[in-house]
Amino acid sequence: MNRHILGISGSPIKNSNTDRMVNAVLQAGGLGYDFIKLSDIHVRGCIGCLKCAKDNVCKQNDDFLKPAPKVRNAGAFVIGAYTPYGSVDSFTKSFLERLFSLRHRFGLNRGKPAVVITTGIGQGRPGLHEANEQVTGALEREGMQVIGRLTVFGNPPCLSCGYGDTCPMSSLPVVFQGDVTTTPDKFMRAEDQSDVWEQAQELGRRIGTMLRNGSSTES
């Protein structure tokens, strides 16, 4: 098994909670890794052309050609998605669809361990756990072994856009029970969510152990 971990973030926000949580798992593995931020490249969804059937190489002419060799050669995956509109973000969804080119006929990612991370903007808001289920199901259909699933709180864009205090469409009153002020204490850092941050570190160490042992299950 290749001793290299691939981390994917679907969050378009620079240095987001999703990014940092994915990187926390990667770094705790103690092995080589790559981190890909999907908003930095252009990956369309699968168009169902089936031209990958012969050689497991997607024939769409977009940026999936750049990470495809890393996806093929990775020994493990850490997938981070965020949840706009109560569902998996479009960047992550398109990436997951394109994994079909590696699954078709041969299941080139079968048995590889994976960690799923989803980020949402507040307790009780829709989509956080549903998105986690969606990403988990997609990876399991690839034959991967999902060894851990984390949910993390992120930050409403209304805290950063400059209009959150006065905008009639602001999500702040919903997330903060009527409080619309954009004060620093409302920003949630991934590192300050101590329980889930510690779980991320532990999952990273577990992936590292699995890859060093050269099997999909720990000894």
Protein backbone atom coordinates (compact mmCIF):
# COMPACT_ATOMS: atom_id res chain seq x y z
CA MET A 1 0.00 0.00 0.00
CA ASN A 2 1.30 3.43 -0.96
CA ARG A 3 2.41 5.38 2.12
CA HIS A 4 1.00 8.69 0.91
CA ILE A 5 -2.17 10.49 2.02
CA LEU A 6 -4.28 12.76 -0.16
CA GLY A 7 -6.32 15.52 1.44
CA ILE A 8 -9.18 17.23 -0.39
CA SER A 9 -11.05 20.37 0.69
CA GLY A 10 -14.23 21.56 -1.00
CA SER A 11 -14.29 24.82 0.95
CA PRO A 12 -13.59 27.91 -1.19
CA ILE A 13 -12.62 30.03 1.83
CA LYS A 14 -8.89 30.64 2.20
CA ASN A 15 -7.43 28.73 5.17
CA SER A 16 -10.93 27.69 6.23
CA ASN A 17 -11.89 25.46 9.15
CA THR A 18 -12.39 22.69 6.58
CA ASP A 19 -8.86 23.21 5.23
CA ARG A 20 -7.29 23.22 8.66
CA MET A 21 -9.17 20.17 9.87
CA VAL A 22 -8.14 18.20 6.77
CA ASN A 23 -4.54 19.29 7.27
CA ALA A 24 -4.66 18.34 10.95
CA VAL A 25 -5.43 14.75 9.94
CA LEU A 26 -2.78 14.78 7.20
CA GLN A 27 -0.03 16.10 9.45
CA ALA A 28 -0.84 13.71 12.30
CA GLY A 29 -0.28 10.77 9.93
CA GLY A 30 3.47 11.34 10.00
CA LEU A 31 3.79 10.39 6.33
CA GLY A 32 4.00 12.17 2.99
CA TYR A 33 0.81 13.90 1.91
CA ASP A 34 -0.72 16.24 -0.66
CA PHE A 35 -3.46 18.79 -0.03
CA ILE A 36 -5.75 19.90 -2.86
CA LYS A 37 -8.16 22.81 -2.55
CA LEU A 38 -10.81 22.14 -5.15
CA SER A 39 -11.75 25.81 -5.61
CA ASP A 40 -8.23 26.39 -6.98
CA ILE A 41 -8.87 24.07 -9.93
CA HIS A 42 -11.75 23.45 -12.32
CA VAL A 43 -13.35 20.01 -12.03
CA ARG A 44 -16.73 19.37 -13.65
CA GLY A 45 -19.11 16.61 -12.66
CA CYS A 46 -19.14 13.27 -14.44
CA ILE A 47 -20.93 13.45 -17.83
CA GLY A 48 -21.53 9.69 -18.05
CA CYS A 49 -19.70 9.23 -21.35
CA LEU A 50 -18.15 5.90 -20.20
CA LYS A 51 -14.94 6.64 -22.12
CA CYS A 52 -13.04 5.68 -18.95
CA ALA A 53 -14.26 2.08 -19.21
CA LYS A 54 -11.24 0.79 -21.08
CA ASP A 55 -8.36 2.35 -19.16
CA ASN A 56 -9.80 4.08 -16.04
CA VAL A 57 -8.69 7.47 -17.38
CA CYS A 58 -11.35 10.20 -17.50
CA LYS A 59 -11.46 11.85 -20.92
CA GLN A 60 -12.95 15.19 -19.89
CA ASN A 61 -10.53 18.00 -20.68
CA ASP A 62 -10.47 19.86 -17.39
CA ASP A 63 -8.32 20.11 -14.27
CA PHE A 64 -9.19 16.67 -12.92
CA LEU A 65 -6.25 15.50 -15.03
CA LYS A 66 -3.94 17.25 -12.52
CA PRO A 67 -4.95 15.44 -9.30
CA ALA A 68 -5.96 12.16 -11.01
CA PRO A 69 -2.48 10.56 -10.69
CA LYS A 70 -2.35 11.57 -7.01
CA VAL A 71 -5.82 10.09 -6.48
CA ARG A 72 -4.78 6.88 -8.21
CA ASN A 73 -1.56 6.54 -6.20
CA ALA A 74 -2.78 7.67 -2.77
CA GLY A 75 -2.76 5.13 0.01
CA ALA A 76 -5.46 6.96 1.99
CA PHE A 77 -7.83 9.91 1.69
CA VAL A 78 -9.08 12.75 3.87
CA ILE A 79 -12.12 14.41 2.28
CA GLY A 80 -13.43 17.70 3.67
CA ALA A 81 -16.74 19.17 2.47
CA TYR A 82 -18.81 22.11 3.59
CA THR A 83 -22.58 22.42 3.47
CA PRO A 84 -24.08 25.40 1.63
CA TYR A 85 -27.84 25.10 1.15
CA GLY A 86 -28.00 22.05 3.40
CA SER A 87 -26.04 19.69 1.17
CA VAL A 88 -22.55 18.75 -0.02
CA ASP A 89 -20.82 21.66 -1.76
CA SER A 90 -20.56 21.52 -5.55
CA PHE A 91 -16.74 21.31 -5.59
CA THR A 92 -16.69 18.14 -3.50
CA LYS A 93 -19.70 16.66 -5.28
CA SER A 94 -18.05 17.06 -8.70
CA PHE A 95 -14.80 15.53 -7.42
CA LEU A 96 -16.63 12.54 -5.95
CA GLU A 97 -18.48 11.98 -9.24
CA ARG A 98 -15.20 11.90 -11.13
CA LEU A 99 -13.87 9.10 -8.95
CA PHE A 100 -16.10 6.87 -11.08
CA SER A 101 -13.36 6.80 -13.71
CA LEU A 102 -11.15 4.92 -11.23
CA ARG A 103 -13.90 2.67 -9.92
CA HIS A 104 -15.21 1.48 -13.28
CA ARG A 105 -14.58 -2.27 -13.72
CA PHE A 106 -11.45 -2.44 -11.52
CA GLY A 107 -12.15 -0.43 -8.35
CA LEU A 108 -8.68 1.08 -8.12
CA ASN A 109 -9.41 2.67 -4.73
CA ARG A 110 -10.78 -0.45 -3.07
CA GLY A 111 -9.60 -1.03 0.48
CA LYS A 112 -8.01 2.38 0.95
CA PRO A 113 -8.75 4.01 4.34
CA ALA A 114 -10.52 7.36 4.34
CA VAL A 115 -11.67 10.04 6.76
CA VAL A 116 -14.73 12.19 6.06
CA ILE A 117 -15.02 15.75 7.42
CA THR A 118 -18.03 18.01 6.96
CA THR A 119 -18.37 21.60 8.13
CA GLY A 120 -21.55 23.56 8.80
CA ILE A 121 -22.40 26.97 10.26
CA GLY A 122 -24.21 26.12 13.46
CA GLN A 123 -25.91 23.67 15.76
CA GLY A 124 -29.23 22.49 14.40
CA ARG A 125 -28.68 23.90 10.91
CA PRO A 126 -29.59 21.46 8.13
CA GLY A 127 -27.13 19.49 6.06
CA LEU A 128 -24.13 18.87 8.30
CA HIS A 129 -24.80 15.23 9.15
CA GLU A 130 -26.62 14.58 5.88
CA ALA A 131 -23.57 15.72 3.91
CA ASN A 132 -21.37 13.50 6.02
CA GLU A 133 -23.57 10.56 5.10
CA GLN A 134 -23.46 11.52 1.41
CA VAL A 135 -19.66 11.73 1.24
CA THR A 136 -19.28 8.55 3.27
CA GLY A 137 -21.65 6.69 0.95
CA ALA A 138 -19.78 7.92 -2.13
CA LEU A 139 -16.43 6.72 -0.80
CA GLU A 140 -17.85 3.38 0.29
CA ARG A 141 -19.17 2.87 -3.24
CA GLU A 142 -15.58 3.28 -4.39
CA GLY A 143 -14.73 0.40 -2.06
CA MET A 144 -12.88 2.59 0.44
CA GLN A 145 -12.85 1.87 4.15
CA VAL A 146 -14.15 4.95 5.99
CA ILE A 147 -12.40 4.73 9.35
CA GLY A 148 -13.63 8.01 10.81
CA ARG A 149 -16.23 10.74 10.34
CA LEU A 150 -16.00 14.24 11.82
CA THR A 151 -18.44 17.16 11.86
CA VAL A 152 -17.08 20.64 12.49
CA PHE A 153 -18.69 24.04 12.98
CA GLY A 154 -17.72 26.78 10.56
CA ASN A 155 -18.61 30.44 10.20
CA PRO A 156 -21.53 32.13 8.40
CA PRO A 157 -20.31 34.33 5.52
CA CYS A 158 -22.43 37.11 7.04
CA LEU A 159 -19.70 37.54 9.68
CA SER A 160 -17.24 38.56 6.96
CA CYS A 161 -19.18 40.20 4.12
CA GLY A 162 -19.42 43.63 5.77
CA TYR A 163 -23.21 43.84 5.71
CA GLY A 164 -24.20 41.18 8.24
CA ASP A 165 -25.32 43.65 10.92
CA THR A 166 -27.90 45.34 8.70
CA CYS A 167 -28.76 42.85 5.94
CA PRO A 168 -32.40 41.66 6.10
CA MET A 169 -31.29 38.33 4.59
CA SER A 170 -28.54 37.75 7.14
CA SER A 171 -28.24 34.30 8.68
CA LEU A 172 -26.84 35.75 11.91
CA PRO A 173 -30.21 36.04 13.74
CA VAL A 174 -30.88 32.35 13.03
CA VAL A 175 -27.42 31.10 13.98
CA PHE A 176 -27.02 33.35 17.02
CA GLN A 177 -30.61 33.44 18.31
CA GLY A 178 -31.45 36.96 17.21
CA ASP A 179 -28.05 38.59 17.75
CA VAL A 180 -26.91 40.28 14.51
CA THR A 181 -23.69 41.94 15.71
CA THR A 182 -20.48 40.79 13.99
CA THR A 183 -18.18 40.51 16.98
CA PRO A 184 -14.90 38.51 17.05
CA ASP A 185 -16.19 36.09 19.68
CA LYS A 186 -18.68 34.65 17.18
CA PHE A 187 -15.97 33.26 14.88
CA MET A 188 -15.39 29.55 15.52
CA ARG A 189 -11.90 28.20 14.90
CA ALA A 190 -11.47 24.51 14.18
CA GLU A 191 -8.63 24.35 16.70
CA ASP A 192 -10.91 25.60 19.48
CA GLN A 193 -13.33 22.72 18.96
CA SER A 194 -11.11 20.59 21.13
CA ASP A 195 -12.97 17.28 21.04
CA VAL A 196 -13.18 17.06 17.27
CA TRP A 197 -9.65 18.47 16.83
CA GLU A 198 -8.28 15.70 19.04
CA GLN A 199 -10.30 13.14 17.07
CA ALA A 200 -8.73 14.48 13.87
CA GLN A 201 -5.25 13.99 15.31
CA GLU A 202 -6.09 10.46 16.40
CA LEU A 203 -7.51 9.55 13.00
CA GLY A 204 -4.39 10.89 11.33
CA ARG A 205 -2.22 8.72 13.55
CA ARG A 206 -4.44 5.74 12.80
CA ILE A 207 -4.09 6.24 9.05
CA GLY A 208 -0.32 6.51 9.46
CA THR A 209 -0.23 3.24 11.37
CA MET A 210 -2.39 1.49 8.79
CA LEU A 211 -0.22 2.60 5.88
CA ARG A 212 3.01 1.75 7.65
CA ASN A 213 1.60 -1.71 8.37
CA GLY A 214 0.84 -2.06 4.68
CA SER A 215 -2.76 -3.22 5.12
CA SER A 216 -6.27 -1.80 5.26
CA THR A 217 -6.73 -2.97 8.83
CA GLU A 218 -4.63 -2.24 11.89
CA SER A 219 -2.51 -4.99 13.39
